[in-house]
């Protein structure tokens, strides 16, 4: 698993507007997969990288995630 703090910091500095309302899988400061279902996103990312990705639900526009 990658460094969660580094991944979170990288994600927080990205423009994720096109992923609004979707899950994203991040590994080594790259978005490997995205979609509406976390399990599918995680599986696709693991198949691409061979590692456990950092999963994040990108909030829909107008909402804040904590």
PDB file of N, CA and C in Angstrom:
ATOM      1  N   UNK A   1       0.846  -1.181   0.000  1.00  0.00           N
ATOM      2  CA  UNK A   1       0.000   0.000   0.000  1.00  0.00           C
ATOM      3  C   UNK A   1       0.887   1.239   0.000  1.00  0.00           C
ATOM      4  N   UNK A   2       0.476   2.226  -0.752  1.00  0.00           N
ATOM      5  CA  UNK A   2       1.254   3.455  -0.831  1.00  0.00           C
ATOM      6  C   UNK A   2       1.048   4.312   0.419  1.00  0.00           C
ATOM      7  N   UNK A   3       1.841   5.354   0.545  1.00  0.00           N
ATOM      8  CA  UNK A   3       1.767   6.264   1.682  1.00  0.00           C
ATOM      9  C   UNK A   3       0.468   7.063   1.606  1.00  0.00           C
ATOM     10  N   UNK A   4      -0.440   6.808   2.528  1.00  0.00           N
ATOM     11  CA  UNK A   4      -1.763   7.431   2.514  1.00  0.00           C
ATOM     12  C   UNK A   4      -1.675   8.947   2.614  1.00  0.00           C
ATOM     13  N   UNK A   5      -0.801   9.459   3.458  1.00  0.00           N
ATOM     14  CA  UNK A   5      -0.678  10.912   3.603  1.00  0.00           C
ATOM     15  C   UNK A   5      -0.226  11.570   2.298  1.00  0.00           C
ATOM     16  N   UNK A   6       0.725  10.972   1.628  1.00  0.00           N
ATOM     17  CA  UNK A   6       1.210  11.524   0.359  1.00  0.00           C
ATOM     18  C   UNK A   6       0.117  11.466  -0.705  1.00  0.00           C
ATOM     19  N   UNK A   7      -0.610  10.352  -0.749  1.00  0.00           N
ATOM     20  CA  UNK A   7      -1.700  10.216  -1.724  1.00  0.00           C
ATOM     21  C   UNK A   7      -2.791  11.251  -1.448  1.00  0.00           C
ATOM     22  N   UNK A   8      -3.150  11.402  -0.175  1.00  0.00           N
ATOM     23  CA  UNK A   8      -4.197  12.365   0.187  1.00  0.00           C
ATOM     24  C   UNK A   8      -3.777  13.786  -0.181  1.00  0.00           C
ATOM     25  N   UNK A   9      -2.545  14.126   0.109  1.00  0.00           N
ATOM     26  CA  UNK A   9      -2.048  15.467  -0.223  1.00  0.00           C
ATOM     27  C   UNK A   9      -2.091  15.684  -1.734  1.00  0.00           C
ATOM     28  N   UNK A  10      -1.677  14.690  -2.501  1.00  0.00           N
ATOM     29  CA  UNK A  10      -1.697  14.801  -3.954  1.00  0.00           C
ATOM     30  C   UNK A  10      -3.131  14.975  -4.457  1.00  0.00           C
ATOM     31  N   UNK A  11      -4.050  14.143  -3.946  1.00  0.00           N
ATOM     32  CA  UNK A  11      -5.454  14.209  -4.363  1.00  0.00           C
ATOM     33  C   UNK A  11      -6.050  15.579  -4.069  1.00  0.00           C
ATOM     34  N   UNK A  12      -5.739  16.122  -2.894  1.00  0.00           N
ATOM     35  CA  UNK A  12      -6.333  17.402  -2.493  1.00  0.00           C
ATOM     36  C   UNK A  12      -5.880  18.561  -3.379  1.00  0.00           C
ATOM     37  N   UNK A  13      -4.812  18.372  -4.146  1.00  0.00           N
ATOM     38  CA  UNK A  13      -4.316  19.412  -5.047  1.00  0.00           C
ATOM     39  C   UNK A  13      -4.720  19.187  -6.506  1.00  0.00           C
ATOM     40  N   UNK A  14      -5.566  18.194  -6.755  1.00  0.00           N
ATOM     41  CA  UNK A  14      -5.980  17.878  -8.123  1.00  0.00           C
ATOM     42  C   UNK A  14      -7.361  18.460  -8.429  1.00  0.00           C
ATOM     43  N   UNK A  15      -7.592  18.750  -9.686  1.00  0.00           N
ATOM     44  CA  UNK A  15      -8.922  19.144 -10.145  1.00  0.00           C
ATOM     45  C   UNK A  15      -9.675  17.854 -10.473  1.00  0.00           C
ATOM     46  N   UNK A  16     -10.600  17.480  -9.604  1.00  0.00           N
ATOM     47  CA  UNK A  16     -11.309  16.211  -9.751  1.00  0.00           C
ATOM     48  C   UNK A  16     -12.740  16.400 -10.241  1.00  0.00           C
ATOM     49  N   UNK A  17     -13.026  17.548 -10.814  1.00  0.00           N
ATOM     50  CA  UNK A  17     -14.383  17.882 -11.244  1.00  0.00           C
ATOM     51  C   UNK A  17     -14.980  16.806 -12.162  1.00  0.00           C
ATOM     52  N   UNK A  18     -14.172  16.252 -13.050  1.00  0.00           N
ATOM     53  CA  UNK A  18     -14.699  15.245 -13.979  1.00  0.00           C
ATOM     54  C   UNK A  18     -15.034  13.920 -13.286  1.00  0.00           C
ATOM     55  N   UNK A  19     -14.587  13.757 -12.026  1.00  0.00           N
ATOM     56  CA  UNK A  19     -14.880  12.545 -11.264  1.00  0.00           C
ATOM     57  C   UNK A  19     -15.993  12.768 -10.236  1.00  0.00           C
ATOM     58  N   UNK A  20     -16.672  13.894 -10.316  1.00  0.00           N
ATOM     59  CA  UNK A  20     -17.720  14.259  -9.363  1.00  0.00           C
ATOM     60  C   UNK A  20     -18.740  13.128  -9.190  1.00  0.00           C
ATOM     61  N   UNK A  21     -18.950  12.720  -7.925  1.00  0.00           N
ATOM     62  CA  UNK A  21     -19.906  11.666  -7.612  1.00  0.00           C
ATOM     63  C   UNK A  21     -19.392  10.258  -7.841  1.00  0.00           C
ATOM     64  N   UNK A  22     -18.120  10.113  -8.185  1.00  0.00           N
ATOM     65  CA  UNK A  22     -17.551   8.791  -8.469  1.00  0.00           C
ATOM     66  C   UNK A  22     -16.446   8.441  -7.476  1.00  0.00           C
ATOM     67  N   UNK A  23     -16.131   7.158  -7.438  1.00  0.00           N
ATOM     68  CA  UNK A  23     -14.982   6.669  -6.689  1.00  0.00           C
ATOM     69  C   UNK A  23     -13.762   6.751  -7.593  1.00  0.00           C
ATOM     70  N   UNK A  24     -12.619   7.067  -7.003  1.00  0.00           N
ATOM     71  CA  UNK A  24     -11.357   7.002  -7.736  1.00  0.00           C
ATOM     72  C   UNK A  24     -10.386   6.132  -6.948  1.00  0.00           C
ATOM     73  N   UNK A  25      -9.534   5.448  -7.669  1.00  0.00           N
ATOM     74  CA  UNK A  25      -8.484   4.631  -7.064  1.00  0.00           C
ATOM     75  C   UNK A  25      -7.151   5.267  -7.417  1.00  0.00           C
ATOM     76  N   UNK A  26      -6.375   5.592  -6.385  1.00  0.00           N
ATOM     77  CA  UNK A  26      -5.106   6.286  -6.571  1.00  0.00           C
ATOM     78  C   UNK A  26      -3.963   5.417  -6.056  1.00  0.00           C
ATOM     79  N   UNK A  27      -2.877   5.397  -6.828  1.00  0.00           N
ATOM     80  CA  UNK A  27      -1.659   4.702  -6.404  1.00  0.00           C
ATOM     81  C   UNK A  27      -0.479   5.424  -7.033  1.00  0.00           C
ATOM     82  N   UNK A  28       0.518   5.740  -6.225  1.00  0.00           N
ATOM     83  CA  UNK A  28       1.717   6.448  -6.694  1.00  0.00           C
ATOM     84  C   UNK A  28       1.369   7.728  -7.463  1.00  0.00           C
ATOM     85  N   UNK A  29       0.443   8.497  -6.891  1.00  0.00           N
ATOM     86  CA  UNK A  29       0.040   9.798  -7.447  1.00  0.00           C
ATOM     87  C   UNK A  29      -0.506   9.687  -8.866  1.00  0.00           C
ATOM     88  N   UNK A  30      -1.237   8.607  -9.106  1.00  0.00           N
ATOM     89  CA  UNK A  30      -1.922   8.405 -10.385  1.00  0.00           C
ATOM     90  C   UNK A  30      -3.320   7.890 -10.111  1.00  0.00           C
ATOM     91  N   UNK A  31      -4.284   8.381 -10.870  1.00  0.00           N
ATOM     92  CA  UNK A  31      -5.637   7.845 -10.800  1.00  0.00           C
ATOM     93  C   UNK A  31      -5.679   6.660 -11.753  1.00  0.00           C
ATOM     94  N   UNK A  32      -5.838   5.479 -11.181  1.00  0.00           N
ATOM     95  CA  UNK A  32      -5.795   4.256 -11.974  1.00  0.00           C
ATOM     96  C   UNK A  32      -7.153   3.838 -12.504  1.00  0.00           C
ATOM     97  N   UNK A  33      -8.211   4.226 -11.784  1.00  0.00           N
ATOM     98  CA  UNK A  33      -9.540   3.778 -12.148  1.00  0.00           C
ATOM     99  C   UNK A  33     -10.560   4.714 -11.517  1.00  0.00           C
ATOM    100  N   UNK A  34     -11.756   4.754 -12.102  1.00  0.00           N
ATOM    101  CA  UNK A  34     -12.847   5.536 -11.520  1.00  0.00           C
ATOM    102  C   UNK A  34     -14.173   4.904 -11.910  1.00  0.00           C
ATOM    103  N   UNK A  35     -15.194   5.182 -11.112  1.00  0.00           N
ATOM    104  CA  UNK A  35     -16.518   4.661 -11.413  1.00  0.00           C
ATOM    105  C   UNK A  35     -17.465   4.835 -10.250  1.00  0.00           C
ATOM    106  N   UNK A  36     -18.681   4.340 -10.432  1.00  0.00           N
ATOM    107  CA  UNK A  36     -19.728   4.506  -9.419  1.00  0.00           C
ATOM    108  C   UNK A  36     -19.681   3.448  -8.321  1.00  0.00           C
ATOM    109  N   UNK A  37     -18.971   2.353  -8.551  1.00  0.00           N
ATOM    110  CA  UNK A  37     -18.945   1.250  -7.587  1.00  0.00           C
ATOM    111  C   UNK A  37     -17.518   1.013  -7.085  1.00  0.00           C
ATOM    112  N   UNK A  38     -17.320   1.221  -5.784  1.00  0.00           N
ATOM    113  CA  UNK A  38     -15.985   1.144  -5.180  1.00  0.00           C
ATOM    114  C   UNK A  38     -15.318  -0.209  -5.414  1.00  0.00           C
ATOM    115  N   UNK A  39     -16.082  -1.296  -5.301  1.00  0.00           N
ATOM    116  CA  UNK A  39     -15.471  -2.617  -5.456  1.00  0.00           C
ATOM    117  C   UNK A  39     -14.919  -2.824  -6.870  1.00  0.00           C
ATOM    118  N   UNK A  40     -15.627  -2.363  -7.866  1.00  0.00           N
ATOM    119  CA  UNK A  40     -15.155  -2.499  -9.248  1.00  0.00           C
ATOM    120  C   UNK A  40     -13.945  -1.601  -9.515  1.00  0.00           C
ATOM    121  N   UNK A  41     -13.990  -0.397  -8.967  1.00  0.00           N
ATOM    122  CA  UNK A  41     -12.878   0.544  -9.132  1.00  0.00           C
ATOM    123  C   UNK A  41     -11.615  -0.028  -8.491  1.00  0.00           C
ATOM    124  N   UNK A  42     -11.752  -0.560  -7.273  1.00  0.00           N
ATOM    125  CA  UNK A  42     -10.607  -1.133  -6.563  1.00  0.00           C
ATOM    126  C   UNK A  42     -10.041  -2.338  -7.311  1.00  0.00           C
ATOM    127  N   UNK A  43     -10.924  -3.204  -7.793  1.00  0.00           N
ATOM    128  CA  UNK A  43     -10.480  -4.403  -8.513  1.00  0.00           C
ATOM    129  C   UNK A  43      -9.713  -4.028  -9.779  1.00  0.00           C
ATOM    130  N   UNK A  44     -10.253  -3.084 -10.539  1.00  0.00           N
ATOM    131  CA  UNK A  44      -9.591  -2.654 -11.770  1.00  0.00           C
ATOM    132  C   UNK A  44      -8.217  -2.049 -11.480  1.00  0.00           C
ATOM    133  N   UNK A  45      -8.143  -1.233 -10.431  1.00  0.00           N
ATOM    134  CA  UNK A  45      -6.868  -0.599 -10.070  1.00  0.00           C
ATOM    135  C   UNK A  45      -5.849  -1.637  -9.610  1.00  0.00           C
ATOM    136  N   UNK A  46      -6.293  -2.627  -8.814  1.00  0.00           N
ATOM    137  CA  UNK A  46      -5.380  -3.691  -8.360  1.00  0.00           C
ATOM    138  C   UNK A  46      -4.851  -4.489  -9.543  1.00  0.00           C
ATOM    139  N   UNK A  47      -5.720  -4.738 -10.524  1.00  0.00           N
ATOM    140  CA  UNK A  47      -5.288  -5.482 -11.713  1.00  0.00           C
ATOM    141  C   UNK A  47      -4.246  -4.693 -12.509  1.00  0.00           C
ATOM    142  N   UNK A  48      -4.387  -3.377 -12.546  1.00  0.00           N
ATOM    143  CA  UNK A  48      -3.442  -2.531 -13.284  1.00  0.00           C
ATOM    144  C   UNK A  48      -2.106  -2.397 -12.569  1.00  0.00           C
ATOM    145  N   UNK A  49      -2.159  -2.249 -11.235  1.00  0.00           N
ATOM    146  CA  UNK A  49      -0.937  -1.914 -10.493  1.00  0.00           C
ATOM    147  C   UNK A  49      -0.348  -3.067  -9.694  1.00  0.00           C
ATOM    148  N   UNK A  50      -1.176  -4.039  -9.345  1.00  0.00           N
ATOM    149  CA  UNK A  50      -0.722  -5.116  -8.481  1.00  0.00           C
ATOM    150  C   UNK A  50      -0.638  -4.704  -7.023  1.00  0.00           C
ATOM    151  N   UNK A  51      -1.119  -3.507  -6.712  1.00  0.00           N
ATOM    152  CA  UNK A  51      -1.056  -2.978  -5.345  1.00  0.00           C
ATOM    153  C   UNK A  51      -2.455  -2.598  -4.866  1.00  0.00           C
ATOM    154  N   UNK A  52      -2.581  -2.406  -3.564  1.00  0.00           N
ATOM    155  CA  UNK A  52      -3.840  -1.955  -2.985  1.00  0.00           C
ATOM    156  C   UNK A  52      -3.931  -0.440  -3.165  1.00  0.00           C
ATOM    157  N   UNK A  53      -4.930   0.043  -3.907  1.00  0.00           N
ATOM    158  CA  UNK A  53      -5.034   1.480  -4.145  1.00  0.00           C
ATOM    159  C   UNK A  53      -5.681   2.211  -2.973  1.00  0.00           C
ATOM    160  N   UNK A  54      -5.529   3.515  -2.972  1.00  0.00           N
ATOM    161  CA  UNK A  54      -6.191   4.412  -2.027  1.00  0.00           C
ATOM    162  C   UNK A  54      -7.503   4.812  -2.694  1.00  0.00           C
ATOM    163  N   UNK A  55      -8.645   4.460  -2.084  1.00  0.00           N
ATOM    164  CA  UNK A  55      -9.954   4.753  -2.663  1.00  0.00           C
ATOM    165  C   UNK A  55     -10.546   6.014  -2.050  1.00  0.00           C
ATOM    166  N   UNK A  56     -11.103   6.853  -2.902  1.00  0.00           N
ATOM    167  CA  UNK A  56     -11.707   8.109  -2.460  1.00  0.00           C
ATOM    168  C   UNK A  56     -13.005   8.316  -3.222  1.00  0.00           C
ATOM    169  N   UNK A  57     -14.046   8.709  -2.495  1.00  0.00           N
ATOM    170  CA  UNK A  57     -15.308   9.100  -3.145  1.00  0.00           C
ATOM    171  C   UNK A  57     -15.249  10.605  -3.351  1.00  0.00           C
ATOM    172  N   UNK A  58     -15.281  11.033  -4.599  1.00  0.00           N
ATOM    173  CA  UNK A  58     -15.248  12.456  -4.927  1.00  0.00           C
ATOM    174  C   UNK A  58     -16.669  12.986  -4.757  1.00  0.00           C
ATOM    175  N   UNK A  59     -16.848  13.985  -3.902  1.00  0.00           N
ATOM    176  CA  UNK A  59     -18.209  14.488  -3.671  1.00  0.00           C
ATOM    177  C   UNK A  59     -18.778  15.153  -4.925  1.00  0.00           C
ATOM    178  N   UNK A  60     -20.101  15.110  -5.025  1.00  0.00           N
ATOM    179  CA  UNK A  60     -20.757  15.797  -6.129  1.00  0.00           C
ATOM    180  C   UNK A  60     -20.591  17.293  -5.952  1.00  0.00           C
ATOM    181  N   UNK A  61     -20.641  18.013  -7.042  1.00  0.00           N
ATOM    182  CA  UNK A  61     -20.466  19.460  -7.001  1.00  0.00           C
ATOM    183  C   UNK A  61     -21.496  20.080  -6.057  1.00  0.00           C
ATOM    184  N   UNK A  62     -21.034  20.983  -5.214  1.00  0.00           N
ATOM    185  CA  UNK A  62     -21.911  21.635  -4.255  1.00  0.00           C
ATOM    186  C   UNK A  62     -21.920  20.967  -2.893  1.00  0.00           C
ATOM    187  N   UNK A  63     -21.211  19.840  -2.764  1.00  0.00           N
ATOM    188  CA  UNK A  63     -21.121  19.123  -1.496  1.00  0.00           C
ATOM    189  C   UNK A  63     -19.679  19.112  -1.015  1.00  0.00           C
ATOM    190  N   UNK A  64     -19.519  18.961   0.286  1.00  0.00           N
ATOM    191  CA  UNK A  64     -18.194  18.876   0.891  1.00  0.00           C
ATOM    192  C   UNK A  64     -18.073  17.528   1.580  1.00  0.00           C
ATOM    193  N   UNK A  65     -16.957  16.872   1.395  1.00  0.00           N
ATOM    194  CA  UNK A  65     -16.686  15.589   2.038  1.00  0.00           C
ATOM    195  C   UNK A  65     -15.724  15.806   3.195  1.00  0.00           C
ATOM    196  N   UNK A  66     -16.000  15.150   4.316  1.00  0.00           N
ATOM    197  CA  UNK A  66     -15.095  15.238   5.471  1.00  0.00           C
ATOM    198  C   UNK A  66     -14.663  13.870   5.910  1.00  0.00           C
TER     199      UNK A  66
END
